[in-house]
Amino acid sequence: MIEWFVEVASILPTLFAGYCIQFFCGRFSEPKLSRVKGARWAVGIVWVLIRLAGGKLFWQMDSAVLVARLLFDTALLFTFCVCWYEGNLITKVFLTVQFISLHELSFLAGYSFLYLGKSLIDLLAEGMGDSAVSVGSFLTAVNVMSCLSLAVMGTVKCALLFASTRNIEKNCRDREKGRMGREVVFYLLPAIAGILVSVLVRLLLITITDGVPVLLYERYPALYLIIPMIALVLLGASVYSFQIYQDMKALQEEQAEKMVLENQIAQMQSSIVEMEHLYDGIRAVKHDMKNQMAVLQNLIRKRDGGEEDEIRQYFEGMYQSVEQLDSRAHTGNAVSDAVIENKFRYAAKQVKGIRLDASGFMLPDAVAIEAYDMGIILNNGLDNAIEASVRMREKCPEAEAYIIIRSFVAKNMYFIEIENSFDGMALSRGDGGLPLSTKEDKEAHGIGLKNIRKCAVKYGGDMDCIVEGNIFTLSVMVES
């Protein structure tokens, strides 16, 4: 009976660890065969097979054998992650080292509960020596205590492993699966320390005294308390260092978004002031129109005096003045006009010969989008379009560059589309389906599209990015 229970007690934690590793790895990377049904469970099945194979190959109770089994588990798990999961090598190192560390530390923390069962068995042995306990009762009690100790140890180990993997998995805020950078060093320092502690314990676990193997715990019973405490401290360090770094990243993103929004507000205020000046100029031209017409009449009367050139120059001067006051955008909304005019003027300076067209964009009064939110959509969308056009011209100086803004209503939805030429480079997408920034500082960029999506969702809509050859189209949909 006891042998059967020991076998079950060793298999169940292994099966549960397989369950833990499948959602842990699935949070950070996708299987290469993700379309295959049940692909995410493959890592759990492989982990169970690795543990069972290790138990068969490394069955001797020897320190070197115990260390060899740890290296065996680590090597096979890493090999599977490399072959099975997408993403860079750093991510796969993280998955392997982090899970092995959590698994080992959970075991070391739970192992101390065997000491409680051993202590109770020793008390029963003393009672038997004093004839207080019969042999049959003693053997039964030993079996019960052994089974109970194994059950408690397995339960504690599984609980710690589940809590630690779940905590790390839930606190992950990385936008793109399978892609990690230098921050992995910060994540893995406590994990590597945990693996080294496990290796050290395995090396010192069994010593030979007078030709008899003796457990380190037997020689120094205080280790039943010290080692679990070290394991718990390292578990906490692994979990909370990851959480702290993720919180720091989230704070940096919020600060970056705040800076972007403040900059956009400043741009919108500048555009509005510029538009007000434009309207003031138009009013001034209208006010002076009568006086100018009088001057024209006098010049025309003097036509016979050979002053045709003077009349022509005067007309040209008037035309240029009015041309400067004219706006490219007539959307029906002053803020939209100001933003588009400002961005188009900037685009014309950055990209020579760029074709700019906003004739198909109108903002009807029936569309209840606040001016601030419309400014966010247009500012971010046009900024991205201008940057894409600049990059395209750097690669292909002769290529046609253009930006077109249009809008239309379909059923009860209002659509805004910003179409632009770009270099045709394939854009990888993050977790939210948005194209990732092509800039080196990805932490501070890629925020514009997120802000556009927030505005669209605010009005019951959404946003999409469409790539067709060398044409990129940003489509924003809101309820009209």
Protein backbone atom coordinates (compact mmCIF):
# COMPACT_ATOMS: atom_id res chain seq x y z
CA MET A 1 0.00 0.00 0.00
CA ILE A 2 2.75 2.43 0.96
CA GLU A 3 4.68 1.73 -2.25
CA TRP A 4 1.59 2.48 -4.32
CA PHE A 5 1.00 5.75 -2.48
CA VAL A 6 4.63 6.82 -2.88
CA GLU A 7 4.39 6.19 -6.63
CA VAL A 8 1.21 8.24 -6.91
CA ALA A 9 2.65 10.99 -4.70
CA SER A 10 5.62 11.33 -7.05
CA ILE A 11 3.56 11.34 -10.28
CA LEU A 12 0.80 13.80 -9.30
CA PRO A 13 3.14 16.78 -8.62
CA THR A 14 4.83 16.08 -11.96
CA LEU A 15 1.47 16.19 -13.76
CA PHE A 16 0.55 19.39 -11.96
CA ALA A 17 3.91 20.95 -12.88
CA GLY A 18 3.10 20.10 -16.51
CA TYR A 19 -0.15 22.01 -16.14
CA CYS A 20 1.70 25.00 -14.65
CA ILE A 21 4.34 25.17 -17.35
CA GLN A 22 1.84 25.19 -20.22
CA PHE A 23 0.15 28.44 -19.16
CA PHE A 24 3.48 29.94 -18.03
CA CYS A 25 5.15 29.44 -21.41
CA GLY A 26 1.96 30.31 -23.30
CA ARG A 27 1.93 33.80 -21.79
CA PHE A 28 5.36 34.68 -23.14
CA SER A 29 5.48 32.93 -26.51
CA GLU A 30 3.30 31.17 -29.08
CA PRO A 31 3.93 27.65 -30.45
CA LYS A 32 5.19 27.57 -34.02
CA LEU A 33 2.27 25.25 -34.79
CA SER A 34 -0.27 27.35 -32.92
CA ARG A 35 -3.05 26.39 -35.35
CA VAL A 36 -2.76 22.76 -34.33
CA LYS A 37 -5.40 21.91 -31.76
CA GLY A 38 -3.91 21.37 -28.31
CA ALA A 39 -0.49 22.76 -29.31
CA ARG A 40 -0.23 24.78 -26.10
CA TRP A 41 -0.41 21.58 -24.02
CA ALA A 42 2.64 20.09 -25.73
CA VAL A 43 5.10 21.65 -23.29
CA GLY A 44 3.23 20.17 -20.31
CA ILE A 45 3.28 16.71 -21.85
CA VAL A 46 6.96 17.03 -22.69
CA TRP A 47 7.76 18.13 -19.14
CA VAL A 48 6.05 15.05 -17.70
CA LEU A 49 8.00 12.82 -20.11
CA ILE A 50 11.26 14.56 -19.19
CA ARG A 51 10.66 13.98 -15.48
CA LEU A 52 9.68 10.35 -15.97
CA ALA A 53 12.70 9.71 -18.19
CA GLY A 54 14.96 11.38 -15.65
CA GLY A 55 13.56 9.20 -12.88
CA LYS A 56 14.42 6.09 -14.88
CA LEU A 57 17.90 7.22 -15.95
CA PHE A 58 19.02 8.83 -12.69
CA TRP A 59 17.62 6.52 -10.04
CA GLN A 60 20.72 6.26 -7.82
CA MET A 61 20.77 8.29 -4.61
CA ASP A 62 24.02 10.14 -5.20
CA SER A 63 24.84 13.88 -5.15
CA ALA A 64 26.46 13.85 -8.59
CA VAL A 65 23.48 11.94 -10.00
CA LEU A 66 21.05 14.46 -8.52
CA VAL A 67 22.93 17.35 -10.13
CA ALA A 68 23.09 15.45 -13.43
CA ARG A 69 19.31 15.01 -13.37
CA LEU A 70 18.80 18.76 -12.86
CA LEU A 71 21.05 19.50 -15.84
CA PHE A 72 19.25 16.82 -17.85
CA ASP A 73 15.84 18.40 -17.16
CA THR A 74 17.13 21.88 -17.98
CA ALA A 75 18.82 20.88 -21.23
CA LEU A 76 15.83 18.95 -22.59
CA LEU A 77 13.35 21.68 -21.65
CA PHE A 78 15.50 24.35 -23.30
CA THR A 79 15.87 22.24 -26.44
CA PHE A 80 12.11 21.79 -26.65
CA CYS A 81 11.47 25.54 -26.17
CA VAL A 82 13.94 26.39 -28.93
CA CYS A 83 12.29 23.97 -31.35
CA TRP A 84 8.65 24.50 -30.38
CA TYR A 85 8.19 28.20 -29.56
CA GLU A 86 8.45 31.31 -31.68
CA GLY A 87 10.53 34.32 -30.71
CA ASN A 88 14.12 35.12 -29.96
CA LEU A 89 16.60 32.95 -28.07
CA ILE A 90 16.56 35.23 -25.03
CA THR A 91 12.88 34.51 -24.45
CA LYS A 92 13.49 30.76 -24.54
CA VAL A 93 16.35 31.08 -22.06
CA PHE A 94 13.99 33.01 -19.79
CA LEU A 95 11.25 30.36 -20.04
CA THR A 96 13.65 27.53 -19.23
CA VAL A 97 15.67 29.12 -16.43
CA GLN A 98 12.70 30.79 -14.77
CA PHE A 99 10.53 27.66 -14.65
CA ILE A 100 13.36 25.34 -13.55
CA SER A 101 14.19 27.77 -10.75
CA LEU A 102 10.57 28.06 -9.58
CA HIS A 103 10.20 24.27 -9.71
CA GLU A 104 13.38 23.63 -7.70
CA LEU A 105 12.69 26.31 -5.09
CA SER A 106 9.13 25.05 -4.60
CA PHE A 107 10.50 21.56 -3.99
CA LEU A 108 13.11 22.79 -1.49
CA ALA A 109 10.48 24.80 0.38
CA GLY A 110 8.11 21.83 0.58
CA TYR A 111 10.75 19.24 1.48
CA SER A 112 10.95 20.49 5.06
CA PHE A 113 7.53 19.00 5.78
CA LEU A 114 9.11 15.56 5.65
CA TYR A 115 10.84 16.55 8.87
CA LEU A 116 7.52 16.76 10.67
CA GLY A 117 6.63 13.22 9.71
CA LYS A 118 10.09 12.00 10.66
CA SER A 119 9.82 13.69 14.06
CA LEU A 120 6.47 12.02 14.74
CA ILE A 121 7.88 8.65 13.69
CA ASP A 122 10.81 9.14 16.08
CA LEU A 123 8.37 9.84 18.90
CA LEU A 124 6.47 6.66 18.09
CA ALA A 125 9.76 4.75 18.04
CA GLU A 126 10.55 6.02 21.53
CA GLY A 127 7.07 5.01 22.66
CA MET A 128 7.59 1.54 21.25
CA GLY A 129 10.89 1.30 23.14
CA ASP A 130 8.99 2.04 26.31
CA SER A 131 6.42 -0.64 25.33
CA ALA A 132 3.76 2.05 25.09
CA VAL A 133 3.06 1.23 21.42
CA SER A 134 2.64 -2.21 19.89
CA VAL A 135 4.61 -3.28 16.80
CA GLY A 136 1.51 -3.47 14.63
CA SER A 137 0.32 -0.04 15.71
CA PHE A 138 3.81 1.36 15.19
CA LEU A 139 4.06 0.06 11.61
CA THR A 140 0.61 1.37 10.80
CA ALA A 141 1.43 4.76 12.29
CA VAL A 142 4.71 4.91 10.35
CA ASN A 143 2.91 4.21 7.09
CA VAL A 144 0.27 6.82 7.86
CA MET A 145 2.84 9.43 8.85
CA SER A 146 4.96 8.73 5.78
CA CYS A 147 1.98 9.04 3.46
CA LEU A 148 0.78 12.18 5.20
CA SER A 149 4.24 13.78 5.01
CA LEU A 150 4.51 13.02 1.30
CA ALA A 151 1.02 14.38 0.67
CA VAL A 152 1.71 17.61 2.57
CA MET A 153 5.07 18.07 0.88
CA GLY A 154 3.55 17.55 -2.59
CA THR A 155 0.67 19.90 -1.82
CA VAL A 156 2.97 22.67 -0.59
CA LYS A 157 5.27 22.23 -3.58
CA CYS A 158 2.38 22.39 -6.06
CA ALA A 159 0.81 25.38 -4.31
CA LEU A 160 4.06 27.37 -4.36
CA LEU A 161 4.77 26.47 -7.99
CA PHE A 162 1.23 27.40 -9.05
CA ALA A 163 1.24 30.69 -7.14
CA SER A 164 4.66 31.79 -8.42
CA THR A 165 4.08 30.90 -12.09
CA ARG A 166 0.60 32.43 -12.05
CA ASN A 167 1.90 35.63 -10.46
CA ILE A 168 4.62 36.09 -13.07
CA GLU A 169 2.24 35.17 -15.89
CA LYS A 170 -0.42 37.65 -14.75
CA ASN A 171 2.04 40.51 -14.22
CA CYS A 172 3.50 40.23 -17.71
CA ARG A 173 2.65 43.37 -19.68
CA ASP A 174 4.95 42.82 -22.67
CA ARG A 175 3.25 43.95 -25.88
CA GLU A 176 4.90 41.40 -28.12
CA LYS A 177 5.10 37.70 -27.35
CA GLY A 178 8.37 35.91 -27.92
CA ARG A 179 10.48 39.07 -27.84
CA MET A 180 12.57 39.98 -24.82
CA GLY A 181 15.61 42.21 -24.52
CA ARG A 182 18.18 43.17 -21.96
CA GLU A 183 15.61 43.27 -19.18
CA VAL A 184 15.87 39.46 -19.01
CA VAL A 185 19.11 39.88 -17.03
CA PHE A 186 17.13 41.64 -14.31
CA TYR A 187 14.43 38.97 -14.39
CA LEU A 188 16.82 36.02 -14.22
CA LEU A 189 19.25 37.06 -11.48
CA PRO A 190 17.04 35.65 -8.65
CA ALA A 191 16.18 32.63 -10.83
CA ILE A 192 19.83 31.82 -11.47
CA ALA A 193 20.54 32.22 -7.75
CA GLY A 194 17.73 29.72 -7.06
CA ILE A 195 19.19 27.15 -9.47
CA LEU A 196 22.66 27.57 -7.94
CA VAL A 197 21.24 27.03 -4.45
CA SER A 198 19.51 23.89 -5.70
CA VAL A 199 22.76 22.62 -7.24
CA LEU A 200 24.60 23.34 -4.00
CA VAL A 201 22.03 21.47 -1.90
CA ARG A 202 22.13 18.50 -4.28
CA LEU A 203 25.93 18.37 -4.14
CA LEU A 204 25.98 18.41 -0.36
CA LEU A 205 22.79 16.46 0.22
CA ILE A 206 24.39 13.03 0.59
CA THR A 207 27.68 12.45 2.39
CA ILE A 208 29.45 9.20 3.18
CA THR A 209 30.17 8.58 6.85
CA ASP A 210 31.89 5.31 7.77
CA GLY A 211 30.84 3.93 4.41
CA VAL A 212 27.17 4.76 5.07
CA PRO A 213 25.29 7.44 3.05
CA VAL A 214 23.96 10.15 5.35
CA LEU A 215 21.59 12.96 4.35
CA LEU A 216 22.80 16.47 5.03
CA TYR A 217 19.50 17.14 6.76
CA GLU A 218 20.20 14.29 9.20
CA ARG A 219 23.56 15.71 10.14
CA TYR A 220 22.26 19.28 10.48
CA PRO A 221 18.53 19.19 11.35
CA ALA A 222 18.44 23.00 11.36
CA LEU A 223 18.61 22.81 7.56
CA TYR A 224 15.00 21.63 7.55
CA LEU A 225 14.19 25.23 8.50
CA ILE A 226 17.06 27.18 6.90
CA ILE A 227 16.83 25.76 3.36
CA PRO A 228 13.04 26.31 3.04
CA MET A 229 13.51 29.89 4.26
CA ILE A 230 16.19 30.50 1.61
CA ALA A 231 13.93 28.93 -1.02
CA LEU A 232 10.97 31.11 -0.04
CA VAL A 233 13.12 34.26 -0.09
CA LEU A 234 14.40 33.45 -3.59
CA LEU A 235 10.89 32.58 -4.76
CA GLY A 236 9.67 35.95 -3.54
CA ALA A 237 12.62 37.69 -5.18
CA SER A 238 11.92 35.99 -8.53
CA VAL A 239 8.23 36.84 -8.45
CA TYR A 240 8.40 40.40 -7.13
CA SER A 241 11.47 41.50 -9.09
CA PHE A 242 9.53 40.59 -12.22
CA GLN A 243 6.44 42.40 -10.95
CA ILE A 244 8.42 45.51 -9.97
CA TYR A 245 10.11 45.72 -13.36
CA GLN A 246 6.79 45.29 -15.15
CA ASP A 247 5.29 48.07 -13.01
CA MET A 248 8.25 50.29 -13.89
CA LYS A 249 7.68 49.60 -17.60
CA ALA A 250 3.99 50.43 -17.25
CA LEU A 251 4.87 53.68 -15.47
CA GLN A 252 7.34 54.62 -18.20
CA GLU A 253 4.69 53.94 -20.85
CA GLU A 254 2.18 56.10 -18.98
CA GLN A 255 4.72 58.92 -18.71
CA ALA A 256 5.54 58.59 -22.41
CA GLU A 257 1.82 58.70 -23.29
CA LYS A 258 1.42 61.76 -21.09
CA MET A 259 4.30 63.51 -22.86
CA VAL A 260 2.82 62.63 -26.26
CA LEU A 261 -0.60 63.95 -25.26
CA GLU A 262 0.87 67.15 -23.80
CA ASN A 263 2.82 67.67 -27.02
CA GLN A 264 -0.29 67.09 -29.11
CA ILE A 265 -2.28 69.53 -26.99
CA ALA A 266 0.44 72.14 -27.55
CA GLN A 267 0.35 71.44 -31.30
CA MET A 268 -3.43 71.74 -31.38
CA GLN A 269 -3.32 75.01 -29.46
CA SER A 270 -0.71 76.34 -31.88
CA SER A 271 -2.83 75.21 -34.84
CA ILE A 272 -5.93 76.88 -33.45
CA VAL A 273 -4.03 80.14 -32.89
CA GLU A 274 -2.71 79.90 -36.43
CA MET A 275 -6.24 79.33 -37.77
CA GLU A 276 -7.53 82.30 -35.80
CA HIS A 277 -4.83 84.47 -37.38
CA LEU A 278 -5.89 83.14 -40.77
CA TYR A 279 -9.51 84.09 -40.16
CA ASP A 280 -8.46 87.51 -38.85
CA GLY A 281 -6.50 88.01 -42.07
CA ILE A 282 -9.49 87.06 -44.17
CA ARG A 283 -11.68 89.51 -42.28
CA ALA A 284 -9.05 92.21 -42.76
CA VAL A 285 -8.94 91.52 -46.51
CA LYS A 286 -12.72 91.80 -46.71
CA HIS A 287 -12.60 95.03 -44.75
CA ASP A 288 -10.08 96.58 -47.12
CA MET A 289 -11.73 95.30 -50.27
CA LYS A 290 -13.59 98.54 -50.97
CA ASN A 291 -10.43 100.62 -50.74
CA GLN A 292 -8.59 98.18 -53.03
CA MET A 293 -11.42 98.29 -55.55
CA ALA A 294 -11.19 102.07 -55.58
CA VAL A 295 -7.47 101.89 -56.28
CA LEU A 296 -8.13 99.46 -59.13
CA GLN A 297 -10.68 101.81 -60.64
CA ASN A 298 -8.21 104.69 -60.60
CA LEU A 299 -5.52 102.53 -62.21
CA ILE A 300 -7.89 101.37 -64.92
CA ARG A 301 -8.81 104.99 -65.70
CA LYS A 302 -5.12 105.69 -66.20
CA ARG A 303 -4.71 102.75 -68.58
CA ASP A 304 -4.05 105.02 -71.51
CA GLY A 305 -1.15 106.40 -69.56
CA GLY A 306 0.96 103.26 -70.11
CA GLU A 307 0.48 101.86 -66.63
CA GLU A 308 -0.55 98.32 -67.68
CA ASP A 309 2.51 96.85 -65.93
CA GLU A 310 1.59 98.57 -62.71
CA ILE A 311 -1.94 97.19 -62.89
CA ARG A 312 -0.65 93.67 -63.56
CA GLN A 313 1.81 93.81 -60.63
CA TYR A 314 -0.92 95.09 -58.35
CA PHE A 315 -3.21 92.19 -59.33
CA GLU A 316 -0.41 89.67 -58.79
CA GLY A 317 0.28 91.07 -55.34
CA MET A 318 -3.36 90.77 -54.40
CA TYR A 319 -3.49 87.19 -55.69
CA GLN A 320 -0.46 86.15 -53.68
CA SER A 321 -1.89 87.70 -50.54
CA VAL A 322 -5.17 85.88 -50.91
CA GLU A 323 -3.36 82.63 -51.84
CA GLN A 324 -1.40 82.76 -48.57
CA LEU A 325 -4.61 83.14 -46.63
CA ASP A 326 -6.30 80.21 -48.33
CA SER A 327 -6.44 76.90 -46.48
CA ARG A 328 -6.04 73.46 -48.06
CA ALA A 329 -8.54 71.90 -45.67
CA HIS A 330 -12.23 72.69 -45.57
CA THR A 331 -13.62 69.93 -43.38
CA GLY A 332 -16.42 71.84 -41.72
CA ASN A 333 -14.56 71.93 -38.41
CA ALA A 334 -12.05 74.60 -37.38
CA VAL A 335 -9.86 72.26 -35.29
CA SER A 336 -9.66 69.65 -38.06
CA ASP A 337 -8.81 72.36 -40.59
CA ALA A 338 -6.06 73.67 -38.36
CA VAL A 339 -4.52 70.26 -37.67
CA ILE A 340 -4.57 69.14 -41.31
CA GLU A 341 -3.22 72.45 -42.58
CA ASN A 342 -0.39 72.40 -40.02
CA LYS A 343 0.59 68.79 -40.78
CA PHE A 344 0.35 69.25 -44.55
CA ARG A 345 2.59 72.29 -44.37
CA TYR A 346 5.13 70.28 -42.33
CA ALA A 347 4.89 67.33 -44.75
CA ALA A 348 5.57 69.59 -47.74
CA LYS A 349 8.76 70.81 -46.06
CA GLN A 350 9.95 67.30 -45.14
CA VAL A 351 9.14 65.50 -48.41
CA LYS A 352 9.62 67.45 -51.62
CA GLY A 353 6.91 66.94 -54.20
CA ILE A 354 4.61 65.02 -51.84
CA ARG A 355 0.99 64.90 -52.95
CA LEU A 356 -1.39 65.99 -50.19
CA ASP A 357 -5.14 65.61 -50.51
CA ALA A 358 -7.83 66.24 -47.90
CA SER A 359 -10.66 67.06 -50.31
CA GLY A 360 -12.45 63.83 -49.48
CA PHE A 361 -12.51 64.47 -45.74
CA MET A 362 -15.54 66.04 -44.12
CA LEU A 363 -16.65 66.14 -40.49
CA PRO A 364 -20.44 66.36 -40.41
CA ASP A 365 -22.18 67.94 -37.46
CA ALA A 366 -23.99 64.62 -36.89
CA VAL A 367 -20.70 62.98 -35.89
CA ALA A 368 -20.35 63.66 -32.17
CA ILE A 369 -16.56 63.45 -31.85
CA GLU A 370 -15.06 65.95 -29.47
CA ALA A 371 -12.51 68.33 -30.98
CA TYR A 372 -9.80 67.04 -28.63
CA ASP A 373 -10.32 63.41 -29.69
CA MET A 374 -10.44 64.33 -33.37
CA GLY A 375 -7.16 66.16 -32.87
CA ILE A 376 -5.62 63.02 -31.32
CA ILE A 377 -6.71 60.88 -34.29
CA LEU A 378 -5.52 63.32 -36.96
CA ASN A 379 -2.28 64.33 -35.22
CA ASN A 380 -1.13 60.77 -34.60
CA GLY A 381 -2.32 59.41 -37.92
CA LEU A 382 -0.69 62.19 -39.95
CA ASP A 383 2.54 62.02 -37.91
CA ASN A 384 2.86 58.32 -38.74
CA ALA A 385 2.04 58.96 -42.40
CA ILE A 386 4.68 61.70 -42.67
CA GLU A 387 7.32 59.53 -40.98
CA ALA A 388 6.54 56.66 -43.34
CA SER A 389 6.85 58.97 -46.35
CA VAL A 390 10.18 60.33 -45.11
CA ARG A 391 11.57 56.80 -44.65
CA MET A 392 10.35 55.80 -48.11
CA ARG A 393 12.02 58.81 -49.76
CA GLU A 394 15.29 58.03 -47.93
CA LYS A 395 15.28 54.55 -49.48
CA CYS A 396 13.75 55.45 -52.86
CA PRO A 397 14.31 59.15 -53.70
CA GLU A 398 12.34 58.86 -56.94
CA ALA A 399 9.29 57.13 -55.47
CA GLU A 400 5.93 58.88 -55.43
CA ALA A 401 4.98 60.12 -51.98
CA TYR A 402 1.44 61.01 -51.03
CA ILE A 403 -0.96 61.34 -48.12
CA ILE A 404 -4.71 61.19 -48.64
CA ILE A 405 -7.36 61.79 -45.97
CA ARG A 406 -10.93 60.78 -46.64
CA SER A 407 -14.07 60.02 -44.70
CA PHE A 408 -17.43 58.44 -45.35
CA VAL A 409 -20.51 57.20 -43.54
CA ALA A 410 -21.69 53.59 -43.84
CA LYS A 411 -24.91 52.68 -42.06
CA ASN A 412 -24.51 54.20 -38.59
CA MET A 413 -20.70 54.26 -38.61
CA TYR A 414 -18.37 57.13 -39.56
CA PHE A 415 -15.03 56.12 -41.11
CA ILE A 416 -11.80 58.11 -41.26
CA GLU A 417 -9.06 56.78 -43.53
CA ILE A 418 -5.51 58.11 -43.81
CA GLU A 419 -3.75 56.50 -46.76
CA ASN A 420 -0.04 57.02 -47.41
CA SER A 421 2.83 55.58 -49.39
CA PHE A 422 5.56 53.73 -47.48
CA ASP A 423 8.60 51.57 -48.16
CA GLY A 424 6.64 48.29 -48.23
CA MET A 425 8.59 46.77 -45.36
CA ALA A 426 6.53 44.04 -43.66
CA LEU A 427 5.26 45.28 -40.32
CA SER A 428 5.21 42.80 -37.43
CA ARG A 429 2.30 43.14 -35.06
CA GLY A 430 2.13 43.06 -31.27
CA ASP A 431 -0.43 41.50 -28.92
CA GLY A 432 -3.04 44.17 -29.73
CA GLY A 433 -2.72 43.61 -33.48
CA LEU A 434 -1.04 47.01 -33.97
CA PRO A 435 2.10 47.42 -36.08
CA LEU A 436 5.19 47.69 -33.89
CA SER A 437 7.23 50.88 -34.01
CA THR A 438 10.19 50.83 -36.40
CA LYS A 439 12.08 53.24 -34.17
CA GLU A 440 14.93 52.07 -31.96
CA ASP A 441 13.31 53.38 -28.77
CA LYS A 442 10.20 51.22 -28.86
CA GLU A 443 9.34 51.98 -25.22
CA ALA A 444 8.70 55.66 -26.01
CA HIS A 445 7.11 55.12 -29.41
CA GLY A 446 4.28 53.11 -30.85
CA ILE A 447 2.00 55.03 -28.52
CA GLY A 448 0.21 57.01 -31.23
CA LEU A 449 -1.76 54.07 -32.60
CA LYS A 450 -2.75 53.03 -29.08
CA ASN A 451 -4.12 56.52 -28.43
CA ILE A 452 -6.05 56.44 -31.71
CA ARG A 453 -7.60 53.11 -30.75
CA LYS A 454 -8.57 54.48 -27.33
CA CYS A 455 -10.39 57.37 -29.01
CA ALA A 456 -12.16 55.01 -31.42
CA VAL A 457 -13.24 52.65 -28.62
CA LYS A 458 -14.49 55.66 -26.64
CA TYR A 459 -17.05 56.26 -29.42
CA GLY A 460 -18.04 52.62 -29.84
CA GLY A 461 -15.68 51.90 -32.71
CA ASP A 462 -12.25 50.48 -33.42
CA MET A 463 -9.15 50.95 -35.54
CA ASP A 464 -7.38 48.83 -38.16
CA CYS A 465 -4.16 49.02 -40.17
CA ILE A 466 -4.30 47.76 -43.76
CA VAL A 467 -1.16 47.06 -45.79
CA GLU A 468 -1.36 46.46 -49.54
CA GLY A 469 2.01 46.49 -51.25
CA ASN A 470 3.46 49.99 -50.78
CA ILE A 471 0.20 51.45 -49.53
CA PHE A 472 -0.57 51.80 -45.82
CA THR A 473 -4.09 52.72 -44.74
CA LEU A 474 -5.12 53.66 -41.23
CA SER A 475 -8.87 53.11 -40.85
CA VAL A 476 -10.69 54.53 -37.83
CA MET A 477 -14.35 53.70 -37.25
CA VAL A 478 -16.69 55.45 -34.77
CA GLU A 479 -20.41 55.56 -34.27
CA SER A 480 -22.00 58.47 -36.11
